[in-house]
């Protein structure tokens, strides 16, 4: 089994460096400012790897609730 954990985090020190850096003009700072109070988000999916197709246990569990 593998855990897939993509995420985005709003860390002031890193955001300040990004804002001052050469790519700061490419960032939508209005969106960052709206999301910053939440601190970030991480999505965890548990995936079973078999000889066949992988099975996303997390997605299947939430689909069953719908």
N, C-alpha and C. Protein backbone atom coordinates (compact mmCIF):
# COMPACT_ATOMS: atom_id res chain seq x y z
N UNK A 1 0.85 -1.17 0.00
CA UNK A 1 0.00 0.00 0.00
C UNK A 1 0.89 1.23 0.00
N UNK A 2 0.45 2.26 -0.69
CA UNK A 2 1.17 3.51 -0.81
C UNK A 2 0.23 4.63 -0.37
N UNK A 3 0.77 5.63 0.29
CA UNK A 3 -0.01 6.82 0.64
C UNK A 3 0.45 7.96 -0.25
N UNK A 4 -0.50 8.59 -0.92
CA UNK A 4 -0.22 9.74 -1.79
C UNK A 4 -0.68 10.98 -1.01
N UNK A 5 0.23 11.92 -0.79
CA UNK A 5 -0.09 13.06 0.07
C UNK A 5 0.29 14.40 -0.56
N UNK A 6 -0.42 14.83 -1.61
CA UNK A 6 -0.13 16.16 -2.14
C UNK A 6 -0.65 17.22 -1.18
N UNK A 7 -0.02 18.35 -1.16
CA UNK A 7 -0.48 19.41 -0.28
C UNK A 7 0.08 20.76 -0.67
N UNK A 8 -0.50 21.77 -0.09
CA UNK A 8 -0.01 23.14 -0.23
C UNK A 8 -0.07 23.77 1.15
N UNK A 9 1.00 24.46 1.51
CA UNK A 9 1.10 25.08 2.83
C UNK A 9 1.50 26.54 2.66
N UNK A 10 0.95 27.40 3.47
CA UNK A 10 1.25 28.82 3.42
C UNK A 10 2.17 29.16 4.58
N UNK A 11 3.45 29.26 4.28
CA UNK A 11 4.48 29.51 5.28
C UNK A 11 5.03 30.91 5.02
N UNK A 12 4.81 31.81 5.98
CA UNK A 12 5.15 33.22 5.78
C UNK A 12 6.57 33.44 5.29
N UNK A 13 7.55 32.79 5.89
CA UNK A 13 8.94 32.98 5.51
C UNK A 13 9.16 32.62 4.02
N UNK A 14 8.55 31.53 3.58
CA UNK A 14 8.71 31.11 2.20
C UNK A 14 7.92 32.00 1.24
N UNK A 15 6.74 32.44 1.68
CA UNK A 15 5.95 33.34 0.84
C UNK A 15 6.66 34.68 0.67
N UNK A 16 7.28 35.19 1.74
CA UNK A 16 8.02 36.45 1.65
C UNK A 16 9.16 36.33 0.65
N UNK A 17 9.86 35.21 0.68
CA UNK A 17 10.95 34.98 -0.26
C UNK A 17 10.43 34.88 -1.69
N UNK A 18 9.29 34.23 -1.87
CA UNK A 18 8.70 34.10 -3.20
C UNK A 18 8.26 35.45 -3.73
N UNK A 19 7.67 36.24 -2.87
CA UNK A 19 7.19 37.58 -3.28
C UNK A 19 8.37 38.45 -3.74
N UNK A 20 9.49 38.33 -3.06
CA UNK A 20 10.67 39.15 -3.38
C UNK A 20 11.48 38.57 -4.54
N UNK A 21 11.27 37.30 -4.87
CA UNK A 21 12.06 36.64 -5.91
C UNK A 21 11.62 36.99 -7.31
N UNK A 22 12.37 36.48 -8.25
CA UNK A 22 12.13 36.80 -9.65
C UNK A 22 10.81 36.26 -10.19
N UNK A 23 10.24 35.24 -9.57
CA UNK A 23 8.99 34.65 -10.05
C UNK A 23 7.77 35.16 -9.27
N UNK A 24 7.99 36.06 -8.32
CA UNK A 24 6.90 36.59 -7.51
C UNK A 24 5.78 37.21 -8.33
N UNK A 25 6.14 37.76 -9.48
CA UNK A 25 5.13 38.40 -10.34
C UNK A 25 4.18 37.39 -10.98
N UNK A 26 4.55 36.11 -10.94
CA UNK A 26 3.73 35.07 -11.55
C UNK A 26 2.69 34.48 -10.59
N UNK A 27 2.78 34.85 -9.33
CA UNK A 27 1.90 34.28 -8.29
C UNK A 27 0.68 35.17 -8.11
N UNK A 28 -0.46 34.55 -8.01
CA UNK A 28 -1.71 35.30 -7.76
C UNK A 28 -1.81 35.58 -6.27
N UNK A 29 -1.24 36.69 -5.84
CA UNK A 29 -1.16 37.02 -4.43
C UNK A 29 -2.53 37.26 -3.81
N UNK A 30 -3.52 37.67 -4.60
CA UNK A 30 -4.86 37.84 -4.06
C UNK A 30 -5.42 36.48 -3.61
N UNK A 31 -5.15 35.43 -4.36
CA UNK A 31 -5.59 34.08 -3.98
C UNK A 31 -4.82 33.60 -2.76
N UNK A 32 -3.53 33.85 -2.73
CA UNK A 32 -2.71 33.46 -1.56
C UNK A 32 -3.25 34.14 -0.31
N UNK A 33 -3.55 35.44 -0.40
CA UNK A 33 -4.04 36.18 0.76
C UNK A 33 -5.38 35.65 1.25
N UNK A 34 -6.23 35.20 0.33
CA UNK A 34 -7.54 34.63 0.74
C UNK A 34 -7.37 33.28 1.44
N UNK A 35 -6.40 32.48 0.98
CA UNK A 35 -6.23 31.12 1.51
C UNK A 35 -5.27 31.05 2.70
N UNK A 36 -4.41 32.04 2.85
CA UNK A 36 -3.38 32.04 3.88
C UNK A 36 -3.92 31.79 5.30
N UNK A 37 -5.06 32.35 5.69
CA UNK A 37 -5.55 32.11 7.07
C UNK A 37 -5.81 30.63 7.38
N UNK A 38 -5.98 29.81 6.37
CA UNK A 38 -6.25 28.39 6.60
C UNK A 38 -4.98 27.58 6.83
N UNK A 39 -3.83 28.15 6.53
CA UNK A 39 -2.56 27.47 6.79
C UNK A 39 -2.15 26.49 5.72
N UNK A 40 -3.10 25.84 5.08
CA UNK A 40 -2.78 24.89 4.02
C UNK A 40 -3.74 23.72 4.04
N UNK A 41 -3.47 22.81 3.14
CA UNK A 41 -4.30 21.60 3.06
C UNK A 41 -3.45 20.45 2.53
N UNK A 42 -3.71 19.28 3.03
CA UNK A 42 -3.06 18.07 2.52
C UNK A 42 -4.14 17.04 2.27
N UNK A 43 -4.03 16.39 1.15
CA UNK A 43 -4.98 15.35 0.79
C UNK A 43 -4.25 14.01 0.87
N UNK A 44 -4.79 13.09 1.63
CA UNK A 44 -4.17 11.77 1.75
C UNK A 44 -5.05 10.72 1.08
N UNK A 45 -4.47 10.00 0.16
CA UNK A 45 -5.15 8.87 -0.46
C UNK A 45 -4.33 7.62 -0.18
N UNK A 46 -4.99 6.57 0.27
CA UNK A 46 -4.35 5.27 0.45
C UNK A 46 -4.63 4.44 -0.80
N UNK A 47 -3.56 4.01 -1.45
CA UNK A 47 -3.67 3.29 -2.72
C UNK A 47 -3.04 1.91 -2.57
N UNK A 48 -3.80 0.87 -2.94
CA UNK A 48 -3.29 -0.50 -2.92
C UNK A 48 -2.73 -0.80 -4.31
N UNK A 49 -1.48 -1.24 -4.35
CA UNK A 49 -0.83 -1.60 -5.61
C UNK A 49 -0.83 -3.12 -5.74
N UNK A 50 -1.42 -3.59 -6.82
CA UNK A 50 -1.50 -5.03 -7.07
C UNK A 50 -0.96 -5.32 -8.46
N UNK A 51 -1.07 -6.56 -8.88
CA UNK A 51 -0.67 -6.90 -10.25
C UNK A 51 -1.61 -6.28 -11.27
N UNK A 52 -2.82 -5.95 -10.86
CA UNK A 52 -3.79 -5.30 -11.74
C UNK A 52 -3.74 -3.80 -11.56
N UNK A 53 -4.86 -3.17 -11.80
CA UNK A 53 -4.96 -1.72 -11.65
C UNK A 53 -4.88 -1.34 -10.17
N UNK A 54 -4.27 -0.19 -9.86
CA UNK A 54 -4.23 0.25 -8.46
C UNK A 54 -5.63 0.59 -7.98
N UNK A 55 -5.87 0.41 -6.68
CA UNK A 55 -7.18 0.71 -6.10
C UNK A 55 -7.02 1.81 -5.07
N UNK A 56 -7.72 2.93 -5.28
CA UNK A 56 -7.68 4.05 -4.36
C UNK A 56 -8.73 3.81 -3.27
N UNK A 57 -8.28 3.36 -2.11
CA UNK A 57 -9.20 3.02 -1.01
C UNK A 57 -9.92 4.25 -0.48
N UNK A 58 -9.24 5.39 -0.44
CA UNK A 58 -9.86 6.60 0.09
C UNK A 58 -11.00 7.05 -0.82
N UNK A 59 -10.74 7.12 -2.10
CA UNK A 59 -11.76 7.56 -3.05
C UNK A 59 -12.97 6.62 -3.00
N UNK A 60 -12.71 5.32 -2.94
CA UNK A 60 -13.80 4.34 -2.88
C UNK A 60 -14.63 4.51 -1.61
N UNK A 61 -13.97 4.77 -0.50
CA UNK A 61 -14.69 4.95 0.77
C UNK A 61 -15.60 6.16 0.72
N UNK A 62 -15.14 7.28 0.18
CA UNK A 62 -15.97 8.47 0.11
C UNK A 62 -17.06 8.34 -0.94
N UNK A 63 -16.81 7.62 -2.00
CA UNK A 63 -17.81 7.39 -3.03
C UNK A 63 -18.98 6.59 -2.46
N UNK A 64 -18.66 5.69 -1.55
CA UNK A 64 -19.72 4.87 -0.93
C UNK A 64 -20.65 5.71 -0.06
N UNK A 65 -20.16 6.87 0.43
CA UNK A 65 -20.97 7.74 1.28
C UNK A 65 -21.93 8.60 0.46
N UNK A 66 -21.64 8.77 -0.81
CA UNK A 66 -22.46 9.66 -1.66
C UNK A 66 -23.78 9.03 -2.03
